[in-house]
Every structure is written in structure tokens, then in C-alpha cells.
Amino acid sequence: MKPKEILETLKGSFSYLLVGVFVVVVFAVIGFYNVRTLNELDRDIRAIKADIEEQRVMAPIYKEQIEKIQIKTKKQLPFPARAKLPREQHEQITTIFGDLARETRLEVVSISPDINSLAGGTGLLLVNAALKGDWHHFRDYLVALGSVPYLEQLGEIQIQTIPGGKEYRLKLWVAVG
């Protein structure tokens, strides 16, 4: 073989060698990228499995809390049809509001109807009430007032802090017949 032929053979072999090295490098880069992507996917899969396990553990607690909320929301505020207090029950008005206060564990300081409020011809009787007790019991009293069909409106509420609790003064307007 002549040196020229050897050189031509080497040039062809060298170009095949370069192409082969390039192909190996391309496959190595693609393989490295795929390994890195697979590691990220494995990390994501582990995170999702941890989230699923957390959801599986928390599901009974979540259901229990939802049931408690639904039980609480089933209790609705009273909303009776409006009516007028019959004449034969006018004397019992202090007893009616006093009993409501005692049922909600409030102490009655005074409950007094204002007869002069009937003079205007509106058919509404003003009842001034003063109660003592805890705020939560007062809230229950306000809810209980909603069940009184002849209570037309709650005019005014004054809250004062006194030794041993709070005092609540209310102006209740009662529809009388």
C-alpha cells in the first residue's frame, strides 16, 4: 500500500470514528437527561404518595368535622308567624319575658311594661327589661325572643359592665290586640 492510500483509508476511518463518537456522546447526553428526569419523577411520585397517605389518614377526621358542622347548622332560628298578644294575656307579659330569661339562665332585674306607649294608637306596647348574666346566655335570650310571635321589634339594647357580670337593658315592642 502506498502512503497516499493509507492516508485516504485513515481519513475515511477517522470520519467514521468521529461520527461514532458523536453518536455515543448524543446517547450519553440523552441518557443523562433521562436519568435526571426519572429522578425528578421519582421525587414527585414519593411526594404524591405522601399526600395520598395523609389524605387517607385525615379523611375520617374530616368526615367527622363535616358531620359536626351539619348537626350544628340543622338548628335554625325560630321564626313564628307574627300575631298580637290577646287582651287576656296582657297581665302575663312580665311573666312571659321573665320565664324566657330564666330558661336562658339570666337573672331578671326588672321587666316593666310602659302603658303610656299604647296612647299613640299604634297597637304596640313598650316593655323595658333589665337582665344580668353572661354574654352567651344573653345571646340565647335574644334567640329565644325570636320565638315570641307577638314581639314586633327589639328597639334598643344597652350593655353595662357591673360587678359580677354584665347588665343588659332592652326595649321590646310587643303587638297587643
C-alpha atoms as a PDB file:
ATOM      1  CA  MET A   1       0.000   0.000   0.000  1.00  0.00           C
ATOM      2  CA  LYS A   2       1.114   3.378  -0.846  1.00  0.00           C
ATOM      3  CA  PRO A   3       1.211   6.116   1.769  1.00  0.00           C
ATOM      4  CA  LYS A   4      -1.469   8.009  -0.121  1.00  0.00           C
ATOM      5  CA  GLU A   5      -3.835   5.071   0.006  1.00  0.00           C
ATOM      6  CA  ILE A   6      -3.125   4.591   3.705  1.00  0.00           C
ATOM      7  CA  LEU A   7      -3.879   8.257   4.317  1.00  0.00           C
ATOM      8  CA  GLU A   8      -7.168   8.015   2.398  1.00  0.00           C
ATOM      9  CA  THR A   9      -8.121   4.904   4.350  1.00  0.00           C
ATOM     10  CA  LEU A  10      -7.318   6.637   7.637  1.00  0.00           C
ATOM     11  CA  LYS A  11      -9.347   9.705   6.655  1.00  0.00           C
ATOM     12  CA  GLY A  12     -12.389   7.546   5.972  1.00  0.00           C
ATOM     13  CA  SER A  13     -11.878   5.580   9.177  1.00  0.00           C
ATOM     14  CA  PHE A  14     -11.309   8.785  11.133  1.00  0.00           C
ATOM     15  CA  SER A  15     -14.592  10.279   9.870  1.00  0.00           C
ATOM     16  CA  TYR A  16     -16.381   7.044  10.826  1.00  0.00           C
ATOM     17  CA  LEU A  17     -14.716   7.259  14.226  1.00  0.00           C
ATOM     18  CA  LEU A  18     -15.864  10.881  14.685  1.00  0.00           C
ATOM     19  CA  VAL A  19     -19.423  10.013  13.689  1.00  0.00           C
ATOM     20  CA  GLY A  20     -19.378   7.065  16.092  1.00  0.00           C
ATOM     21  CA  VAL A  21     -18.042   9.207  18.968  1.00  0.00           C
ATOM     22  CA  PHE A  22     -20.668  11.882  18.220  1.00  0.00           C
ATOM     23  CA  VAL A  23     -23.446   9.272  18.320  1.00  0.00           C
ATOM     24  CA  VAL A  24     -22.110   7.895  21.642  1.00  0.00           C
ATOM     25  CA  VAL A  25     -21.926  11.418  23.116  1.00  0.00           C
ATOM     26  CA  VAL A  26     -25.501  12.187  21.959  1.00  0.00           C
ATOM     27  CA  PHE A  27     -26.781   8.971  23.533  1.00  0.00           C
ATOM     28  CA  ALA A  28     -24.851   9.740  26.746  1.00  0.00           C
ATOM     29  CA  VAL A  29     -26.362  13.250  26.960  1.00  0.00           C
ATOM     30  CA  ILE A  30     -29.858  11.917  26.289  1.00  0.00           C
ATOM     31  CA  GLY A  31     -29.327   9.151  28.857  1.00  0.00           C
ATOM     32  CA  PHE A  32     -28.070  11.630  31.483  1.00  0.00           C
ATOM     33  CA  TYR A  33     -31.067  13.894  30.855  1.00  0.00           C
ATOM     34  CA  ASN A  34     -33.432  10.932  31.117  1.00  0.00           C
ATOM     35  CA  VAL A  35     -31.844   9.780  34.385  1.00  0.00           C
ATOM     36  CA  ARG A  36     -32.221  13.275  35.822  1.00  0.00           C
ATOM     37  CA  THR A  37     -35.842  13.437  34.644  1.00  0.00           C
ATOM     38  CA  LEU A  38     -36.513   9.987  36.096  1.00  0.00           C
ATOM     39  CA  ASN A  39     -35.092  11.094  39.454  1.00  0.00           C
ATOM     40  CA  GLU A  40     -37.392  14.140  39.438  1.00  0.00           C
ATOM     41  CA  LEU A  41     -40.353  11.923  38.561  1.00  0.00           C
ATOM     42  CA  ASP A  42     -39.453   9.539  41.395  1.00  0.00           C
ATOM     43  CA  ARG A  43     -39.307  12.507  43.807  1.00  0.00           C
ATOM     44  CA  ASP A  44     -42.721  13.708  42.569  1.00  0.00           C
ATOM     45  CA  ILE A  45     -44.173  10.204  42.934  1.00  0.00           C
ATOM     46  CA  ARG A  46     -42.908   9.973  46.542  1.00  0.00           C
ATOM     47  CA  ALA A  47     -44.430  13.394  47.335  1.00  0.00           C
ATOM     48  CA  ILE A  48     -47.769  12.406  45.825  1.00  0.00           C
ATOM     49  CA  LYS A  49     -47.759   9.094  47.704  1.00  0.00           C
ATOM     50  CA  ALA A  50     -47.118  11.006  50.948  1.00  0.00           C
ATOM     51  CA  ASP A  51     -50.036  13.348  50.134  1.00  0.00           C
ATOM     52  CA  ILE A  52     -52.307  10.388  49.409  1.00  0.00           C
ATOM     53  CA  GLU A  53     -51.324   8.743  52.693  1.00  0.00           C
ATOM     54  CA  GLU A  54     -52.001  11.990  54.553  1.00  0.00           C
ATOM     55  CA  GLN A  55     -55.427  12.242  52.900  1.00  0.00           C
ATOM     56  CA  ARG A  56     -56.180   8.627  53.805  1.00  0.00           C
ATOM     57  CA  VAL A  57     -55.291   9.307  57.460  1.00  0.00           C
ATOM     58  CA  MET A  58     -57.167  12.626  57.604  1.00  0.00           C
ATOM     59  CA  ALA A  59     -60.329  11.531  55.761  1.00  0.00           C
ATOM     60  CA  PRO A  60     -62.131  10.116  58.854  1.00  0.00           C
ATOM     61  CA  ILE A  61     -61.325  13.247  60.858  1.00  0.00           C
ATOM     62  CA  TYR A  62     -62.552  15.440  58.009  1.00  0.00           C
ATOM     63  CA  LYS A  63     -65.815  13.482  57.728  1.00  0.00           C
ATOM     64  CA  GLU A  64     -66.345  13.723  61.486  1.00  0.00           C
ATOM     65  CA  GLN A  65     -65.867  17.508  61.424  1.00  0.00           C
ATOM     66  CA  ILE A  66     -68.256  17.886  58.474  1.00  0.00           C
ATOM     67  CA  GLU A  67     -70.892  15.863  60.354  1.00  0.00           C
ATOM     68  CA  LYS A  68     -70.476  18.090  63.421  1.00  0.00           C
ATOM     69  CA  ILE A  69     -70.907  21.193  61.288  1.00  0.00           C
ATOM     70  CA  GLN A  70     -74.030  19.757  59.651  1.00  0.00           C
ATOM     71  CA  ILE A  71     -75.516  18.921  63.051  1.00  0.00           C
ATOM     72  CA  LYS A  72     -74.904  22.492  64.241  1.00  0.00           C
ATOM     73  CA  THR A  73     -76.360  24.042  61.102  1.00  0.00           C
ATOM     74  CA  LYS A  74     -79.551  21.991  61.350  1.00  0.00           C
ATOM     75  CA  LYS A  75     -80.541  24.094  64.363  1.00  0.00           C
ATOM     76  CA  GLN A  76     -82.368  27.040  62.845  1.00  0.00           C
ATOM     77  CA  LEU A  77     -83.555  30.232  64.402  1.00  0.00           C
ATOM     78  CA  PRO A  78     -87.218  30.339  65.365  1.00  0.00           C
ATOM     79  CA  PHE A  79     -89.400  32.368  63.042  1.00  0.00           C
ATOM     80  CA  PRO A  80     -93.060  32.068  64.045  1.00  0.00           C
ATOM     81  CA  ALA A  81     -95.904  33.773  62.244  1.00  0.00           C
ATOM     82  CA  ARG A  82     -96.496  37.212  63.715  1.00  0.00           C
ATOM     83  CA  ALA A  83     -99.558  37.635  65.961  1.00  0.00           C
ATOM     84  CA  LYS A  84    -100.921  40.053  68.546  1.00  0.00           C
ATOM     85  CA  LEU A  85    -100.909  39.379  72.259  1.00  0.00           C
ATOM     86  CA  PRO A  86    -104.515  38.656  73.294  1.00  0.00           C
ATOM     87  CA  ARG A  87    -106.058  41.018  75.870  1.00  0.00           C
ATOM     88  CA  GLU A  88    -106.421  38.260  78.445  1.00  0.00           C
ATOM     89  CA  GLN A  89    -102.637  37.761  78.448  1.00  0.00           C
ATOM     90  CA  HIS A  90    -101.637  41.428  78.877  1.00  0.00           C
ATOM     91  CA  GLU A  91    -101.056  40.921  82.616  1.00  0.00           C
ATOM     92  CA  GLN A  92     -98.760  37.963  81.944  1.00  0.00           C
ATOM     93  CA  ILE A  93     -96.321  39.872  79.749  1.00  0.00           C
ATOM     94  CA  THR A  94     -93.748  40.279  82.520  1.00  0.00           C
ATOM     95  CA  THR A  95     -94.040  36.575  83.366  1.00  0.00           C
ATOM     96  CA  ILE A  96     -93.569  35.555  79.732  1.00  0.00           C
ATOM     97  CA  PHE A  97     -90.354  37.552  79.239  1.00  0.00           C
ATOM     98  CA  GLY A  98     -89.151  36.686  82.751  1.00  0.00           C
ATOM     99  CA  ASP A  99     -89.590  32.960  82.116  1.00  0.00           C
ATOM    100  CA  LEU A 100     -87.619  33.269  78.874  1.00  0.00           C
ATOM    101  CA  ALA A 101     -84.807  34.960  80.796  1.00  0.00           C
ATOM    102  CA  ARG A 102     -84.760  32.269  83.473  1.00  0.00           C
ATOM    103  CA  GLU A 103     -84.780  29.500  80.827  1.00  0.00           C
ATOM    104  CA  THR A 104     -81.634  31.031  79.317  1.00  0.00           C
ATOM    105  CA  ARG A 105     -80.053  31.382  82.805  1.00  0.00           C
ATOM    106  CA  LEU A 106     -80.244  35.155  83.068  1.00  0.00           C
ATOM    107  CA  GLU A 107     -81.207  36.980  86.249  1.00  0.00           C
ATOM    108  CA  VAL A 108     -84.196  39.311  85.894  1.00  0.00           C
ATOM    109  CA  VAL A 109     -83.516  42.744  87.382  1.00  0.00           C
ATOM    110  CA  SER A 110     -86.786  44.234  86.164  1.00  0.00           C
ATOM    111  CA  ILE A 111     -89.383  43.850  83.437  1.00  0.00           C
ATOM    112  CA  SER A 112     -91.936  46.610  83.211  1.00  0.00           C
ATOM    113  CA  PRO A 113     -94.479  47.419  80.507  1.00  0.00           C
ATOM    114  CA  ASP A 114     -94.923  51.110  79.647  1.00  0.00           C
ATOM    115  CA  ILE A 115     -98.697  51.607  79.435  1.00  0.00           C
ATOM    116  CA  ASN A 116     -98.233  55.180  78.137  1.00  0.00           C
ATOM    117  CA  SER A 117     -96.805  53.757  74.892  1.00  0.00           C
ATOM    118  CA  LEU A 118    -100.299  52.486  73.987  1.00  0.00           C
ATOM    119  CA  ALA A 119    -101.657  56.053  73.945  1.00  0.00           C
ATOM    120  CA  GLY A 120    -100.347  56.684  70.415  1.00  0.00           C
ATOM    121  CA  GLY A 121    -102.771  54.140  68.958  1.00  0.00           C
ATOM    122  CA  THR A 122    -100.030  52.088  67.273  1.00  0.00           C
ATOM    123  CA  GLY A 123    -101.094  48.843  68.934  1.00  0.00           C
ATOM    124  CA  LEU A 124     -97.565  48.392  70.259  1.00  0.00           C
ATOM    125  CA  LEU A 125     -96.704  48.158  73.937  1.00  0.00           C
ATOM    126  CA  LEU A 126     -93.200  49.082  75.085  1.00  0.00           C
ATOM    127  CA  VAL A 127     -91.678  46.662  77.587  1.00  0.00           C
ATOM    128  CA  ASN A 128     -88.478  47.713  79.357  1.00  0.00           C
ATOM    129  CA  ALA A 129     -86.382  44.778  80.529  1.00  0.00           C
ATOM    130  CA  ALA A 130     -83.195  44.742  82.600  1.00  0.00           C
ATOM    131  CA  LEU A 131     -81.299  41.442  82.883  1.00  0.00           C
ATOM    132  CA  LYS A 132     -77.995  40.327  84.375  1.00  0.00           C
ATOM    133  CA  GLY A 133     -75.760  37.467  83.339  1.00  0.00           C
ATOM    134  CA  ASP A 134     -73.226  36.067  80.937  1.00  0.00           C
ATOM    135  CA  TRP A 135     -72.949  37.186  77.307  1.00  0.00           C
ATOM    136  CA  HIS A 136     -73.585  33.675  75.969  1.00  0.00           C
ATOM    137  CA  HIS A 137     -76.783  33.406  77.976  1.00  0.00           C
ATOM    138  CA  PHE A 138     -77.860  36.822  76.692  1.00  0.00           C
ATOM    139  CA  ARG A 139     -77.291  35.614  73.137  1.00  0.00           C
ATOM    140  CA  ASP A 140     -79.516  32.609  73.892  1.00  0.00           C
ATOM    141  CA  TYR A 141     -82.134  35.003  75.289  1.00  0.00           C
ATOM    142  CA  LEU A 142     -82.119  37.007  72.047  1.00  0.00           C
ATOM    143  CA  VAL A 143     -82.594  33.805  70.058  1.00  0.00           C
ATOM    144  CA  ALA A 144     -85.453  32.799  72.381  1.00  0.00           C
ATOM    145  CA  LEU A 145     -87.077  36.210  71.832  1.00  0.00           C
ATOM    146  CA  GLY A 146     -87.315  35.291  68.160  1.00  0.00           C
ATOM    147  CA  SER A 147     -89.801  32.558  69.091  1.00  0.00           C
ATOM    148  CA  VAL A 148     -92.241  35.054  70.649  1.00  0.00           C
ATOM    149  CA  PRO A 149     -94.866  35.637  67.919  1.00  0.00           C
ATOM    150  CA  TYR A 150     -96.120  38.954  69.287  1.00  0.00           C
ATOM    151  CA  LEU A 151     -92.682  40.576  69.705  1.00  0.00           C
ATOM    152  CA  GLU A 152     -92.825  43.176  66.959  1.00  0.00           C
ATOM    153  CA  GLN A 153     -89.318  44.587  67.313  1.00  0.00           C
ATOM    154  CA  LEU A 154     -86.351  44.940  69.586  1.00  0.00           C
ATOM    155  CA  GLY A 155     -85.940  48.668  69.975  1.00  0.00           C
ATOM    156  CA  GLU A 156     -82.736  49.213  71.874  1.00  0.00           C
ATOM    157  CA  ILE A 157     -80.065  47.252  73.706  1.00  0.00           C
ATOM    158  CA  GLN A 158     -77.725  48.751  76.313  1.00  0.00           C
ATOM    159  CA  ILE A 159     -74.913  46.698  77.814  1.00  0.00           C
ATOM    160  CA  GLN A 160     -73.185  47.781  81.009  1.00  0.00           C
ATOM    161  CA  THR A 161     -70.397  46.093  82.889  1.00  0.00           C
ATOM    162  CA  ILE A 162     -71.237  45.693  86.551  1.00  0.00           C
ATOM    163  CA  PRO A 163     -69.521  43.800  89.354  1.00  0.00           C
ATOM    164  CA  GLY A 164     -70.176  40.123  88.784  1.00  0.00           C
ATOM    165  CA  GLY A 165     -71.049  40.287  85.091  1.00  0.00           C
ATOM    166  CA  LYS A 166     -72.969  42.410  82.661  1.00  0.00           C
ATOM    167  CA  GLU A 167     -76.364  44.090  82.784  1.00  0.00           C
ATOM    168  CA  TYR A 168     -78.485  44.225  79.659  1.00  0.00           C
ATOM    169  CA  ARG A 169     -81.276  46.756  79.182  1.00  0.00           C
ATOM    170  CA  LEU A 170     -83.736  46.132  76.366  1.00  0.00           C
ATOM    171  CA  LYS A 171     -86.705  47.926  74.875  1.00  0.00           C
ATOM    172  CA  LEU A 172     -89.124  45.388  73.466  1.00  0.00           C
ATOM    173  CA  TRP A 173     -92.104  46.397  71.357  1.00  0.00           C
ATOM    174  CA  VAL A 174     -94.999  43.948  71.694  1.00  0.00           C
ATOM    175  CA  ALA A 175     -98.031  43.871  69.380  1.00  0.00           C
ATOM    176  CA  VAL A 176    -101.183  43.851  71.507  1.00  0.00           C
ATOM    177  CA  GLY A 177    -104.752  43.189  70.441  1.00  0.00           C
END
